[in-house]
Amino acid sequence: MAFAVRLALVLFCGSVSAALDFTWNNQPAAGRFGQPGAAMEPRAALQEKQSFREPLSWRYPEPPAEEEPQFAPDFEEKTPSAAETVSAVCGENSVWVEANKDLLGIGRPVLAQDVTLGGCPAIGETPNAEVLIFESELHACGSQLSMSDDSFTYTFTLLYTPSPLGVNGIIRAEEFSVDIQCHYQRKHDVSSWELTPTLSPFSVTKAAEENLYFSIKLVTDDWRSPRPSAIFLMGDMMKFEVSVQQFYHVPLTVTVDSCVATVAPNIDTVPRYVFLGNNGCLFDSQLTGSGSRFLPRSQNDKLQFQVEAFRFQQEDKGVIYVTCHVSATSAALAVDATHKACSFTNGWREASGNHQVCSCCDSECNAQSQSHLTGTAGPQWEQEAAVGPITVKERPL
């Protein structure tokens, strides 16, 4: 009981103390509106509403004035021209057609399956995959035969039908065709190398009546021009150039199958020296240790080789005639054992760099010309070409 009375007394004393404190500090405090007693007096505002003396206006800017285009003074619009990417050879029983895969002449190859010869697909491509090759008998692949009083003509159509591109089926080329005509005379026989086609690449027509022309000639030491003299000294190099003039044929590669030297313009006379044979093997350097060799091939329709000058021991005049059997095949065909130019220099070396085809030079090269694509003979032209008389004199001491 005594404890409860004491607690009540403490609480009472605390209440009286708080009341006294409230009385002693009950004075107005200075507020944010000034000194005491001024709280209710009006006062000028420190802010006022912003106003503009002129109305605010804005509009979209005017577009810039268009300038007159300044064209180049020498500008000319391109005129389409024939691409001329198709060539053909007409044989006695068939036609051989080559089509560049850049068929449109725009630097972009077409798809092989988009090109056909009268509905027949290509039989193959060149090793570098730049040319499509077609071959057909004259009465096949949709050919059309027409006749006149003195000739008959087989017409083939090379057709390009572009495939749609992408899932949306767009195309970037138009379908077109090339007509190829093979003309034959009805009143006499002809040989395959005397036939040339009339091509109609797009809207351009070309006709070729000429035969292939083979030649062999002596050239100067720099290989640039015909040699004005056929006189040599012992130890000199006789430099020969064989070429074929191909007119409107497909591009051709010329090769020298064999060469024989005689003392008269007749290859059947004796003495005779076969210094090149076996379908393009130059034996002279292997047999005599001479510097005779083929030069590296720089173009398909020309072939250059050199033979160290010689004379027959029995002949005091030192006169020789050189007769070579030359041939030409389509440049699209790869070099093979029967169409090569091999020299012996620490082994057999081929003028085009395909040295393995020379492996048969020490035995016997296959005499049957085979296409690297089909295993059948491709088109070939051949002829004998001769140069002489050539005079070889003894070198003065």
Protein backbone atom coordinates (compact mmCIF):
# COMPACT_ATOMS: atom_id res chain seq x y z
CA MET A 1 0.00 0.00 0.00
CA ALA A 2 2.79 2.32 0.82
CA PHE A 3 4.35 1.58 -2.60
CA ALA A 4 1.22 2.66 -4.53
CA VAL A 5 0.95 6.00 -2.68
CA ARG A 6 4.57 6.81 -3.50
CA LEU A 7 4.11 6.07 -7.25
CA ALA A 8 1.08 8.35 -7.43
CA LEU A 9 3.05 11.14 -5.89
CA VAL A 10 5.82 10.87 -8.49
CA LEU A 11 3.32 11.00 -11.38
CA PHE A 12 1.66 14.07 -9.90
CA CYS A 13 4.91 15.93 -9.51
CA GLY A 14 5.79 15.22 -13.19
CA SER A 15 2.45 16.65 -14.36
CA VAL A 16 2.88 19.87 -12.37
CA SER A 17 6.37 20.35 -13.82
CA ALA A 18 5.18 20.00 -17.38
CA ALA A 19 2.39 22.49 -16.82
CA LEU A 20 4.77 25.08 -15.44
CA ASP A 21 7.09 24.64 -18.37
CA PHE A 22 4.24 25.20 -20.83
CA THR A 23 3.35 28.47 -19.06
CA TRP A 24 6.85 29.80 -19.05
CA ASN A 25 7.44 29.23 -22.85
CA ASN A 26 4.03 30.22 -24.13
CA GLN A 27 5.35 33.05 -26.38
CA PRO A 28 4.66 33.47 -30.12
CA ALA A 29 7.64 32.35 -32.18
CA ALA A 30 8.87 34.12 -35.20
CA GLY A 31 7.51 32.30 -38.21
CA ARG A 32 8.35 32.36 -41.86
CA PHE A 33 6.04 35.30 -42.40
CA GLY A 34 7.95 37.71 -40.14
CA GLN A 35 8.07 38.84 -36.54
CA PRO A 36 5.49 37.95 -34.03
CA GLY A 37 2.27 39.84 -34.44
CA ALA A 38 2.68 40.27 -38.12
CA ALA A 39 1.31 36.92 -39.19
CA MET A 40 -2.08 38.33 -40.19
CA GLU A 41 -0.84 41.42 -42.07
CA PRO A 42 -1.12 41.34 -45.96
CA ARG A 43 2.14 41.25 -47.87
CA ALA A 44 3.09 41.72 -51.53
CA ALA A 45 3.54 38.49 -53.55
CA LEU A 46 7.07 37.55 -54.49
CA GLN A 47 5.98 35.80 -57.76
CA GLU A 48 3.69 36.79 -60.59
CA LYS A 49 2.32 34.92 -63.63
CA GLN A 50 4.60 35.08 -66.67
CA SER A 51 3.11 36.90 -69.59
CA PHE A 52 4.25 37.51 -73.21
CA ARG A 53 3.83 40.79 -74.96
CA GLU A 54 3.84 39.06 -78.41
CA PRO A 55 1.96 35.83 -79.22
CA LEU A 56 4.10 32.70 -79.68
CA SER A 57 3.90 31.26 -83.20
CA TRP A 58 5.62 28.19 -84.90
CA ARG A 59 5.25 26.37 -88.16
CA TYR A 60 6.96 23.50 -89.97
CA PRO A 61 10.09 24.61 -91.87
CA GLU A 62 9.86 25.02 -95.62
CA PRO A 63 11.48 22.18 -97.65
CA PRO A 64 14.78 23.07 -99.33
CA ALA A 65 14.61 24.19 -102.91
CA GLU A 66 15.32 21.43 -105.42
CA GLU A 67 18.51 21.86 -107.39
CA GLU A 68 18.72 21.18 -111.09
CA PRO A 69 20.56 17.86 -111.64
CA GLN A 70 23.95 18.31 -113.21
CA PHE A 71 24.61 15.43 -115.64
CA ALA A 72 28.04 14.52 -116.94
CA PRO A 73 28.48 16.08 -120.39
CA ASP A 74 29.82 12.85 -121.90
CA PHE A 75 27.20 10.51 -120.43
CA GLU A 76 25.76 7.99 -122.86
CA GLU A 77 23.14 5.41 -122.13
CA LYS A 78 24.37 1.86 -122.68
CA THR A 79 23.14 0.20 -125.82
CA PRO A 80 22.59 -3.56 -125.50
CA SER A 81 24.84 -5.62 -127.75
CA ALA A 82 25.06 -9.29 -128.61
CA ALA A 83 27.04 -11.23 -126.02
CA GLU A 84 28.42 -13.70 -128.61
CA THR A 85 29.03 -16.40 -126.02
CA VAL A 86 27.94 -19.33 -128.18
CA SER A 87 30.04 -21.07 -130.84
CA ALA A 88 29.59 -24.26 -132.84
CA VAL A 89 31.22 -26.65 -135.26
CA CYS A 90 29.24 -28.68 -137.78
CA GLY A 91 30.65 -32.13 -138.47
CA GLU A 92 29.75 -34.66 -141.11
CA ASN A 93 27.28 -36.40 -138.80
CA SER A 94 26.99 -34.24 -135.71
CA VAL A 95 27.19 -30.74 -134.29
CA TRP A 96 29.42 -29.61 -131.44
CA VAL A 97 28.25 -26.53 -129.49
CA GLU A 98 30.03 -24.57 -126.76
CA ALA A 99 28.20 -22.04 -124.58
CA ASN A 100 30.01 -19.82 -122.12
CA LYS A 101 28.35 -20.07 -118.70
CA ASP A 102 28.44 -16.27 -118.64
CA LEU A 103 25.82 -16.60 -121.34
CA LEU A 104 24.48 -13.06 -120.96
CA GLY A 105 27.90 -11.43 -120.96
CA ILE A 106 27.32 -9.73 -117.60
CA GLY A 107 29.92 -11.55 -115.52
CA ARG A 108 27.41 -13.88 -113.85
CA PRO A 109 27.23 -17.59 -114.77
CA VAL A 110 23.91 -19.22 -115.55
CA LEU A 111 22.76 -22.55 -114.17
CA ALA A 112 23.73 -25.49 -116.37
CA GLN A 113 20.25 -27.01 -116.11
CA ASP A 114 18.72 -23.82 -117.55
CA VAL A 115 20.45 -24.28 -120.93
CA THR A 116 19.55 -27.00 -123.43
CA LEU A 117 20.19 -27.78 -127.08
CA GLY A 118 16.75 -28.53 -128.44
CA GLY A 119 15.81 -30.02 -125.07
CA CYS A 120 19.05 -32.02 -124.70
CA PRO A 121 21.18 -31.13 -121.66
CA ALA A 122 24.90 -30.41 -121.82
CA ILE A 123 27.12 -33.49 -122.04
CA GLY A 124 29.63 -31.84 -119.70
CA GLU A 125 31.67 -28.78 -118.83
CA THR A 126 35.25 -27.72 -119.38
CA PRO A 127 37.70 -28.45 -116.54
CA ASN A 128 37.48 -24.84 -115.31
CA ALA A 129 33.64 -25.04 -115.39
CA GLU A 130 33.37 -21.93 -117.58
CA VAL A 131 31.94 -23.52 -120.74
CA LEU A 132 29.00 -25.88 -121.29
CA ILE A 133 29.47 -28.44 -124.07
CA PHE A 134 26.69 -29.93 -126.18
CA GLU A 135 26.98 -32.61 -128.85
CA SER A 136 24.22 -34.02 -131.02
CA GLU A 137 23.70 -36.04 -134.16
CA LEU A 138 22.30 -33.97 -137.00
CA HIS A 139 18.83 -35.48 -136.80
CA ALA A 140 18.56 -35.38 -132.97
CA CYS A 141 17.91 -32.78 -130.23
CA GLY A 142 14.99 -31.16 -132.03
CA SER A 143 16.86 -30.25 -135.22
CA GLN A 144 14.87 -29.02 -138.20
CA LEU A 145 15.88 -30.00 -141.73
CA SER A 146 15.24 -27.75 -144.73
CA MET A 147 16.33 -28.24 -148.34
CA SER A 148 17.02 -26.15 -151.39
CA ASP A 149 18.15 -27.01 -154.91
CA ASP A 150 21.86 -27.20 -154.02
CA SER A 151 22.01 -27.53 -150.23
CA PHE A 152 20.26 -28.74 -147.12
CA THR A 153 20.34 -27.17 -143.66
CA TYR A 154 20.00 -28.54 -140.16
CA THR A 155 18.84 -25.94 -137.62
CA PHE A 156 19.34 -26.39 -133.89
CA THR A 157 18.07 -24.14 -131.11
CA LEU A 158 20.06 -23.44 -127.97
CA LEU A 159 17.45 -22.39 -125.39
CA TYR A 160 17.97 -20.59 -122.11
CA THR A 161 15.07 -20.70 -119.63
CA PRO A 162 16.04 -19.00 -116.34
CA SER A 163 14.89 -20.68 -113.13
CA PRO A 164 13.05 -18.51 -110.56
CA LEU A 165 15.25 -17.20 -107.76
CA GLY A 166 14.44 -17.46 -104.07
CA VAL A 167 11.15 -18.36 -102.43
CA ASN A 168 9.39 -15.40 -104.04
CA GLY A 169 10.06 -16.63 -107.56
CA ILE A 170 11.81 -13.58 -109.01
CA ILE A 171 13.81 -13.66 -112.25
CA ARG A 172 16.63 -11.42 -113.44
CA ALA A 173 16.87 -12.57 -117.05
CA GLU A 174 14.55 -13.19 -119.95
CA GLU A 175 14.21 -16.44 -121.84
CA PHE A 176 16.02 -16.39 -125.18
CA SER A 177 17.25 -18.76 -127.86
CA VAL A 178 20.19 -19.00 -130.26
CA ASP A 179 19.71 -20.62 -133.67
CA ILE A 180 22.59 -22.70 -135.02
CA GLN A 181 22.51 -23.72 -138.67
CA CYS A 182 24.67 -26.34 -140.36
CA HIS A 183 24.73 -26.00 -144.16
CA TYR A 184 25.70 -28.88 -146.43
CA GLN A 185 26.02 -29.01 -150.21
CA ARG A 186 23.98 -31.70 -151.89
CA LYS A 187 26.08 -32.21 -155.03
CA HIS A 188 29.43 -33.38 -153.61
CA ASP A 189 30.99 -34.83 -150.51
CA VAL A 190 32.50 -32.62 -147.88
CA SER A 191 34.97 -33.11 -145.04
CA SER A 192 34.41 -32.11 -141.45
CA TRP A 193 37.06 -29.39 -141.48
CA GLU A 194 35.40 -27.68 -144.43
CA LEU A 195 32.15 -27.07 -142.55
CA THR A 196 31.43 -23.99 -140.50
CA PRO A 197 28.15 -22.97 -138.91
CA THR A 198 26.00 -19.91 -139.40
CA LEU A 199 25.29 -18.56 -135.92
CA SER A 200 22.48 -16.28 -134.88
CA PRO A 201 23.51 -15.09 -131.40
CA PHE A 202 20.51 -13.03 -130.31
CA SER A 203 19.94 -10.68 -133.26
CA VAL A 204 23.35 -10.95 -134.93
CA THR A 205 24.00 -13.37 -137.79
CA LYS A 206 27.47 -14.47 -138.83
CA ALA A 207 28.33 -16.58 -141.82
CA ALA A 208 31.67 -18.25 -142.42
CA GLU A 209 32.55 -19.89 -145.70
CA GLU A 210 36.31 -20.26 -145.11
CA ASN A 211 38.17 -23.47 -144.40
CA LEU A 212 40.60 -23.82 -141.53
CA TYR A 213 44.07 -22.70 -142.54
CA PHE A 214 47.18 -24.23 -140.96
CA SER A 215 50.64 -22.79 -141.39
CA ILE A 216 54.22 -23.37 -140.26
CA LYS A 217 56.91 -20.72 -140.58
CA LEU A 218 60.37 -19.78 -139.39
CA VAL A 219 60.43 -16.85 -136.96
CA THR A 220 63.09 -14.50 -135.61
CA ASP A 221 65.00 -15.11 -132.40
CA ASP A 222 62.54 -12.98 -130.40
CA TRP A 223 59.60 -15.04 -131.77
CA ARG A 224 57.79 -11.89 -132.88
CA SER A 225 57.99 -11.87 -136.68
CA PRO A 226 58.71 -14.13 -139.67
CA ARG A 227 62.38 -14.76 -140.29
CA PRO A 228 63.48 -13.16 -143.58
CA SER A 229 66.19 -15.77 -144.17
CA ALA A 230 66.15 -19.58 -144.14
CA ILE A 231 69.93 -19.87 -143.79
CA PHE A 232 71.37 -21.11 -140.50
CA LEU A 233 74.79 -22.03 -139.13
CA MET A 234 75.48 -25.26 -137.31
CA GLY A 235 74.58 -24.76 -133.65
CA ASP A 236 71.89 -22.14 -134.38
CA MET A 237 68.34 -22.67 -133.22
CA MET A 238 65.74 -23.00 -135.96
CA LYS A 239 62.61 -21.48 -134.48
CA PHE A 240 59.22 -22.57 -135.82
CA GLU A 241 55.71 -21.34 -135.23
CA VAL A 242 52.67 -23.44 -136.11
CA SER A 243 49.28 -21.75 -136.17
CA VAL A 244 45.69 -22.27 -137.23
CA GLN A 245 43.42 -19.55 -138.51
CA GLN A 246 40.05 -20.42 -137.06
CA PHE A 247 37.62 -17.82 -138.47
CA TYR A 248 34.21 -18.38 -136.83
CA HIS A 249 34.93 -21.83 -135.45
CA VAL A 250 34.88 -22.58 -131.79
CA PRO A 251 38.22 -21.65 -130.15
CA LEU A 252 40.81 -24.20 -131.23
CA THR A 253 44.03 -25.63 -129.84
CA VAL A 254 46.73 -26.48 -132.39
CA THR A 255 49.21 -29.30 -131.82
CA VAL A 256 52.06 -30.82 -133.83
CA ASP A 257 51.69 -34.58 -134.08
CA SER A 258 54.91 -35.31 -135.97
CA CYS A 259 57.69 -33.66 -137.98
CA VAL A 260 60.16 -35.17 -140.44
CA ALA A 261 63.21 -33.61 -142.11
CA THR A 262 64.17 -34.70 -145.63
CA VAL A 263 66.54 -33.52 -148.37
CA ALA A 264 63.65 -33.11 -150.83
CA PRO A 265 60.05 -31.84 -150.52
CA ASN A 266 58.81 -35.42 -150.24
CA ILE A 267 58.44 -37.11 -146.87
CA ASP A 268 58.94 -40.58 -148.38
CA THR A 269 62.50 -39.93 -149.52
CA VAL A 270 65.68 -40.98 -147.74
CA PRO A 271 67.60 -39.91 -145.81
CA ARG A 272 64.93 -38.71 -143.39
CA TYR A 273 64.93 -37.77 -139.72
CA VAL A 274 61.79 -37.94 -137.59
CA PHE A 275 62.67 -35.53 -134.79
CA LEU A 276 59.09 -35.19 -133.47
CA GLY A 277 56.44 -37.90 -133.28
CA ASN A 278 54.24 -40.09 -131.10
CA ASN A 279 51.51 -37.46 -131.06
CA GLY A 280 53.57 -34.50 -129.90
CA CYS A 281 56.83 -35.80 -128.40
CA LEU A 282 59.92 -33.81 -129.44
CA PHE A 283 62.59 -36.53 -129.51
CA ASP A 284 65.59 -34.52 -130.75
CA SER A 285 66.75 -33.34 -127.32
CA GLN A 286 66.47 -36.86 -125.90
CA LEU A 287 68.31 -38.49 -128.82
CA THR A 288 71.11 -35.97 -129.35
CA GLY A 289 71.26 -33.89 -126.14
CA SER A 290 70.33 -30.72 -128.04
CA GLY A 291 68.40 -27.71 -126.76
CA SER A 292 65.38 -28.51 -128.93
CA ARG A 293 62.12 -27.90 -127.06
CA PHE A 294 58.61 -26.51 -127.13
CA LEU A 295 58.08 -23.06 -125.67
CA PRO A 296 55.43 -22.71 -122.96
CA ARG A 297 52.10 -22.25 -124.70
CA SER A 298 50.91 -18.63 -124.63
CA GLN A 299 47.80 -19.01 -126.79
CA ASN A 300 45.82 -21.98 -127.99
CA ASP A 301 45.87 -21.30 -131.73
CA LYS A 302 49.69 -20.99 -131.88
CA LEU A 303 52.50 -23.32 -130.88
CA GLN A 304 56.22 -22.48 -130.97
CA PHE A 305 59.19 -24.82 -130.83
CA GLN A 306 62.90 -24.71 -131.60
CA VAL A 307 65.21 -27.33 -133.11
CA GLU A 308 68.98 -27.12 -133.13
CA ALA A 309 70.18 -26.79 -136.74
CA PHE A 310 71.51 -29.97 -138.35
CA ARG A 311 72.38 -31.40 -141.74
CA PHE A 312 72.57 -34.89 -143.20
CA GLN A 313 76.06 -36.29 -143.33
CA GLN A 314 75.68 -37.54 -146.89
CA GLU A 315 74.48 -34.21 -148.27
CA ASP A 316 77.07 -31.51 -148.94
CA LYS A 317 74.52 -28.82 -149.79
CA GLY A 318 73.05 -28.80 -146.29
CA VAL A 319 69.52 -28.33 -147.61
CA ILE A 320 66.58 -29.76 -145.65
CA TYR A 321 62.81 -29.63 -145.85
CA VAL A 322 60.63 -29.91 -142.74
CA THR A 323 57.13 -31.36 -143.06
CA CYS A 324 54.86 -31.55 -140.00
CA HIS A 325 51.49 -33.15 -139.44
CA VAL A 326 49.45 -30.64 -137.43
CA SER A 327 45.99 -30.90 -135.94
CA ALA A 328 43.46 -28.75 -134.13
CA THR A 329 40.82 -29.65 -131.57
CA SER A 330 38.35 -27.66 -129.52
CA ALA A 331 40.10 -25.53 -126.92
CA ALA A 332 37.47 -26.71 -124.44
CA LEU A 333 39.02 -30.19 -124.46
CA ALA A 334 41.77 -30.92 -121.97
CA VAL A 335 45.33 -31.74 -123.04
CA ASP A 336 45.68 -35.50 -123.33
CA ALA A 337 48.12 -38.14 -124.57
CA THR A 338 47.15 -37.62 -128.20
CA HIS A 339 47.03 -33.81 -128.19
CA LYS A 340 50.12 -32.55 -126.42
CA ALA A 341 53.46 -30.76 -126.84
CA CYS A 342 56.18 -32.57 -124.87
CA SER A 343 59.89 -31.71 -124.64
CA PHE A 344 62.65 -33.72 -122.98
CA THR A 345 64.51 -31.63 -120.39
CA ASN A 346 65.50 -33.73 -117.38
CA GLY A 347 62.34 -35.65 -118.10
CA TRP A 348 59.34 -34.99 -120.29
CA ARG A 349 57.65 -31.62 -119.84
CA GLU A 350 54.41 -30.47 -121.49
CA ALA A 351 54.06 -26.94 -122.91
CA SER A 352 50.75 -26.31 -121.13
CA GLY A 353 51.98 -27.63 -117.78
CA ASN A 354 50.04 -30.92 -117.86
CA HIS A 355 53.21 -33.01 -117.64
CA GLN A 356 51.60 -36.35 -116.82
CA VAL A 357 50.29 -36.70 -120.39
CA CYS A 358 53.92 -37.05 -121.55
CA SER A 359 54.38 -40.34 -119.69
CA CYS A 360 53.70 -42.31 -122.88
CA CYS A 361 56.48 -40.59 -124.89
CA ASP A 362 58.89 -43.42 -124.05
CA SER A 363 56.42 -46.07 -125.22
CA GLU A 364 53.49 -45.50 -127.57
CA CYS A 365 50.75 -42.96 -127.09
CA ASN A 366 47.20 -44.00 -127.87
CA ALA A 367 46.41 -43.05 -131.44
CA GLN A 368 42.67 -42.84 -130.73
CA SER A 369 41.67 -39.30 -129.77
CA GLN A 370 39.33 -39.40 -126.79
CA SER A 371 37.24 -36.64 -125.29
CA HIS A 372 37.84 -36.11 -121.57
CA LEU A 373 34.09 -35.66 -121.19
CA THR A 374 32.41 -38.45 -123.07
CA GLY A 375 35.10 -40.96 -123.97
CA THR A 376 34.28 -40.48 -127.65
CA ALA A 377 36.24 -38.66 -130.31
CA GLY A 378 35.67 -34.93 -130.32
CA PRO A 379 35.90 -32.80 -133.47
CA GLN A 380 39.39 -32.68 -134.96
CA TRP A 381 40.98 -31.05 -138.00
CA GLU A 382 44.36 -32.06 -139.39
CA GLN A 383 46.66 -31.20 -142.23
CA GLU A 384 50.28 -31.36 -143.35
CA ALA A 385 52.30 -28.15 -143.32
CA ALA A 386 55.81 -27.76 -144.70
CA VAL A 387 58.62 -25.23 -144.71
CA GLY A 388 61.78 -25.26 -146.84
CA PRO A 389 64.23 -25.31 -148.33
CA ILE A 390 66.29 -24.54 -145.23
CA THR A 391 70.04 -24.25 -145.66
CA VAL A 392 72.37 -25.19 -142.82
CA LYS A 393 76.00 -24.15 -143.27
CA GLU A 394 79.11 -25.11 -141.36
CA ARG A 395 80.18 -22.54 -138.84
CA PRO A 396 83.52 -20.97 -139.85
CA LEU A 397 86.45 -21.58 -137.50
